[in-house]
Structures are given as C-alpha cells and as structure tokens.
C-alpha atoms as a PDB file:
ATOM      1  CA  UNK A   1       0.000   0.000   0.000  1.00  0.00           C
ATOM      2  CA  UNK A   2       1.846   3.035  -1.245  1.00  0.00           C
ATOM      3  CA  UNK A   3      -0.683   5.742  -0.412  1.00  0.00           C
ATOM      4  CA  UNK A   4      -3.389   6.922   1.902  1.00  0.00           C
ATOM      5  CA  UNK A   5      -5.804   9.798   1.546  1.00  0.00           C
ATOM      6  CA  UNK A   6      -8.142  11.619   3.850  1.00  0.00           C
ATOM      7  CA  UNK A   7     -11.144  13.235   2.206  1.00  0.00           C
ATOM      8  CA  UNK A   8     -13.625  15.660   3.671  1.00  0.00           C
ATOM      9  CA  UNK A   9     -16.535  16.130   1.274  1.00  0.00           C
ATOM     10  CA  UNK A  10     -18.461  19.377   1.710  1.00  0.00           C
ATOM     11  CA  UNK A  11     -21.597  19.351  -0.446  1.00  0.00           C
ATOM     12  CA  UNK A  12     -23.840  22.372  -0.733  1.00  0.00           C
ATOM     13  CA  UNK A  13     -27.099  21.398   0.956  1.00  0.00           C
ATOM     14  CA  UNK A  14     -30.338  23.057   2.059  1.00  0.00           C
ATOM     15  CA  UNK A  15     -30.089  21.757   5.633  1.00  0.00           C
ATOM     16  CA  UNK A  16     -28.134  19.457   7.935  1.00  0.00           C
ATOM     17  CA  UNK A  17     -30.252  16.400   7.147  1.00  0.00           C
ATOM     18  CA  UNK A  18     -29.635  16.811   3.416  1.00  0.00           C
ATOM     19  CA  UNK A  19     -25.934  17.368   3.994  1.00  0.00           C
ATOM     20  CA  UNK A  20     -25.677  14.182   6.070  1.00  0.00           C
ATOM     21  CA  UNK A  21     -27.644  12.187   3.473  1.00  0.00           C
ATOM     22  CA  UNK A  22     -25.290  13.265   0.689  1.00  0.00           C
ATOM     23  CA  UNK A  23     -22.142  12.640   2.736  1.00  0.00           C
ATOM     24  CA  UNK A  24     -23.524   9.215   3.691  1.00  0.00           C
ATOM     25  CA  UNK A  25     -23.825   8.371  -0.015  1.00  0.00           C
ATOM     26  CA  UNK A  26     -20.189   9.362  -0.546  1.00  0.00           C
ATOM     27  CA  UNK A  27     -19.122   7.222   2.424  1.00  0.00           C
ATOM     28  CA  UNK A  28     -21.175   4.281   1.113  1.00  0.00           C
ATOM     29  CA  UNK A  29     -19.322   4.585  -2.210  1.00  0.00           C
ATOM     30  CA  UNK A  30     -15.940   4.652  -0.448  1.00  0.00           C
ATOM     31  CA  UNK A  31     -16.863   1.545   1.550  1.00  0.00           C
ATOM     32  CA  UNK A  32     -18.044  -0.201  -1.636  1.00  0.00           C
ATOM     33  CA  UNK A  33     -14.525   0.023  -3.094  1.00  0.00           C
ATOM     34  CA  UNK A  34     -13.393  -2.683  -0.672  1.00  0.00           C
ATOM     35  CA  UNK A  35     -10.357  -0.686   0.404  1.00  0.00           C
ATOM     36  CA  UNK A  36      -9.514  -0.246   4.051  1.00  0.00           C
ATOM     37  CA  UNK A  37     -11.087   2.959   5.306  1.00  0.00           C
ATOM     38  CA  UNK A  38     -11.780   4.763   8.564  1.00  0.00           C
ATOM     39  CA  UNK A  39     -14.730   7.118   8.915  1.00  0.00           C
ATOM     40  CA  UNK A  40     -14.157   9.959  11.339  1.00  0.00           C
ATOM     41  CA  UNK A  41     -16.351  12.908  12.291  1.00  0.00           C
ATOM     42  CA  UNK A  42     -14.669  15.270   9.819  1.00  0.00           C
ATOM     43  CA  UNK A  43     -13.074  13.087   7.151  1.00  0.00           C
ATOM     44  CA  UNK A  44     -12.681   9.562   5.855  1.00  0.00           C
ATOM     45  CA  UNK A  45      -9.239   7.993   5.476  1.00  0.00           C
ATOM     46  CA  UNK A  46      -8.642   5.386   2.759  1.00  0.00           C
ATOM     47  CA  UNK A  47      -5.593   3.211   2.073  1.00  0.00           C
ATOM     48  CA  UNK A  48      -4.485   1.716  -1.224  1.00  0.00           C
ATOM     49  CA  UNK A  49      -2.709   2.298  -4.503  1.00  0.00           C
ATOM     50  CA  UNK A  50      -2.108   5.974  -5.314  1.00  0.00           C
ATOM     51  CA  UNK A  51      -3.763   5.945  -8.745  1.00  0.00           C
ATOM     52  CA  UNK A  52      -6.798   4.052  -7.471  1.00  0.00           C
ATOM     53  CA  UNK A  53      -7.171   6.483  -4.577  1.00  0.00           C
ATOM     54  CA  UNK A  54      -7.009   9.480  -6.904  1.00  0.00           C
ATOM     55  CA  UNK A  55      -9.815   7.939  -8.989  1.00  0.00           C
ATOM     56  CA  UNK A  56     -11.874   7.443  -5.814  1.00  0.00           C
ATOM     57  CA  UNK A  57     -11.305  11.061  -4.740  1.00  0.00           C
ATOM     58  CA  UNK A  58     -12.522  12.217  -8.151  1.00  0.00           C
ATOM     59  CA  UNK A  59     -15.585   9.958  -8.047  1.00  0.00           C
ATOM     60  CA  UNK A  60     -16.554  11.222  -4.574  1.00  0.00           C
ATOM     61  CA  UNK A  61     -17.276  14.630  -6.094  1.00  0.00           C
ATOM     62  CA  UNK A  62     -19.461  13.065  -8.797  1.00  0.00           C
ATOM     63  CA  UNK A  63     -21.327  10.974  -6.207  1.00  0.00           C
ATOM     64  CA  UNK A  64     -22.182  14.091  -4.184  1.00  0.00           C
ATOM     65  CA  UNK A  65     -23.498  15.916  -7.255  1.00  0.00           C
ATOM     66  CA  UNK A  66     -25.535  12.893  -8.398  1.00  0.00           C
ATOM     67  CA  UNK A  67     -26.957  12.721  -4.863  1.00  0.00           C
ATOM     68  CA  UNK A  68     -28.336  16.226  -5.305  1.00  0.00           C
ATOM     69  CA  UNK A  69     -25.636  18.676  -4.291  1.00  0.00           C
ATOM     70  CA  UNK A  70     -25.568  21.636  -6.699  1.00  0.00           C
ATOM     71  CA  UNK A  71     -21.872  22.043  -5.849  1.00  0.00           C
ATOM     72  CA  UNK A  72     -19.280  20.327  -3.715  1.00  0.00           C
ATOM     73  CA  UNK A  73     -15.963  21.272  -2.160  1.00  0.00           C
ATOM     74  CA  UNK A  74     -13.452  18.879  -0.642  1.00  0.00           C
ATOM     75  CA  UNK A  75     -10.361  18.920   1.505  1.00  0.00           C
ATOM     76  CA  UNK A  76      -7.907  16.200   0.512  1.00  0.00           C
ATOM     77  CA  UNK A  77      -4.795  15.026   2.340  1.00  0.00           C
ATOM     78  CA  UNK A  78      -2.444  12.623   0.582  1.00  0.00           C
ATOM     79  CA  UNK A  79       0.416  10.510   1.873  1.00  0.00           C
ATOM     80  CA  UNK A  80       2.324   8.853  -0.979  1.00  0.00           C
ATOM     81  CA  UNK A  81       5.440   6.712  -0.917  1.00  0.00           C
ATOM     82  CA  UNK A  82       6.137   5.349  -4.415  1.00  0.00           C
ATOM     83  CA  UNK A  83       8.849   2.952  -3.269  1.00  0.00           C
ATOM     84  CA  UNK A  84       7.356   1.557  -0.091  1.00  0.00           C
ATOM     85  CA  UNK A  85       4.473   1.492   2.314  1.00  0.00           C
ATOM     86  CA  UNK A  86       2.894   4.419   4.124  1.00  0.00           C
ATOM     87  CA  UNK A  87       1.859   4.214   7.762  1.00  0.00           C
ATOM     88  CA  UNK A  88      -1.426   2.339   8.075  1.00  0.00           C
ATOM     89  CA  UNK A  89      -4.628   3.596   9.645  1.00  0.00           C
ATOM     90  CA  UNK A  90      -4.288   0.794  12.182  1.00  0.00           C
ATOM     91  CA  UNK A  91      -0.820   1.919  13.280  1.00  0.00           C
ATOM     92  CA  UNK A  92      -1.976   5.518  13.555  1.00  0.00           C
ATOM     93  CA  UNK A  93      -5.206   5.191  15.523  1.00  0.00           C
ATOM     94  CA  UNK A  94      -5.835   1.728  17.023  1.00  0.00           C
ATOM     95  CA  UNK A  95      -4.120   2.542  20.311  1.00  0.00           C
ATOM     96  CA  UNK A  96      -6.521   5.453  20.767  1.00  0.00           C
ATOM     97  CA  UNK A  97      -9.656   3.318  20.390  1.00  0.00           C
ATOM     98  CA  UNK A  98      -9.006   0.507  22.862  1.00  0.00           C
END
C-alpha cells in the first residue's frame, strides 16, 4: 500500500439532514470500493494504490453531485510513498480506540 488519503466532502445542501444524506452516499461509495477505510467525524481515510485512490477522490465529487448537491468542495490530504508502504490507519489510531 503506497498511499493513503483523507477526504472531507463538503456538499452544498439546504439543511443538515440533506448534507448528512449526501455525505452518507459518498461514504457508502468509499466503503463499496473494498479498500480499508476509517470514517471519522470530519473526514474519511482510505488506504491503497495511489492511482486508485485518486480515482476514488474524483468519483466522490461526482457521487455528491448525483446525490443532489448543486456544488461540492473537498479537503484532501495525501500521503504517498512510491517505493514503499505508508503508515497504516491501524498503526496511527488503534491505540486510541481501545
């Protein structure tokens, strides 16, 4: 696993319920990829191959628009190590959730 990303999707929405519904659709898509992911209160972290993760980041925007958002913004964090493995979600957070 040479990359990990954290994505915070920020769809335009009429109210909090609509915002949560749209974000939930984006999270459902991320989970459907089968990659290891961790959903937090502000962002979702995903681990995998860099190119595959970049495609997923792109698709998240499309998912939000198809779910009804007239526009969407996103904050993206990327950790990429072309010749090795990046730190895993497990190594970063497991000790804090025991």
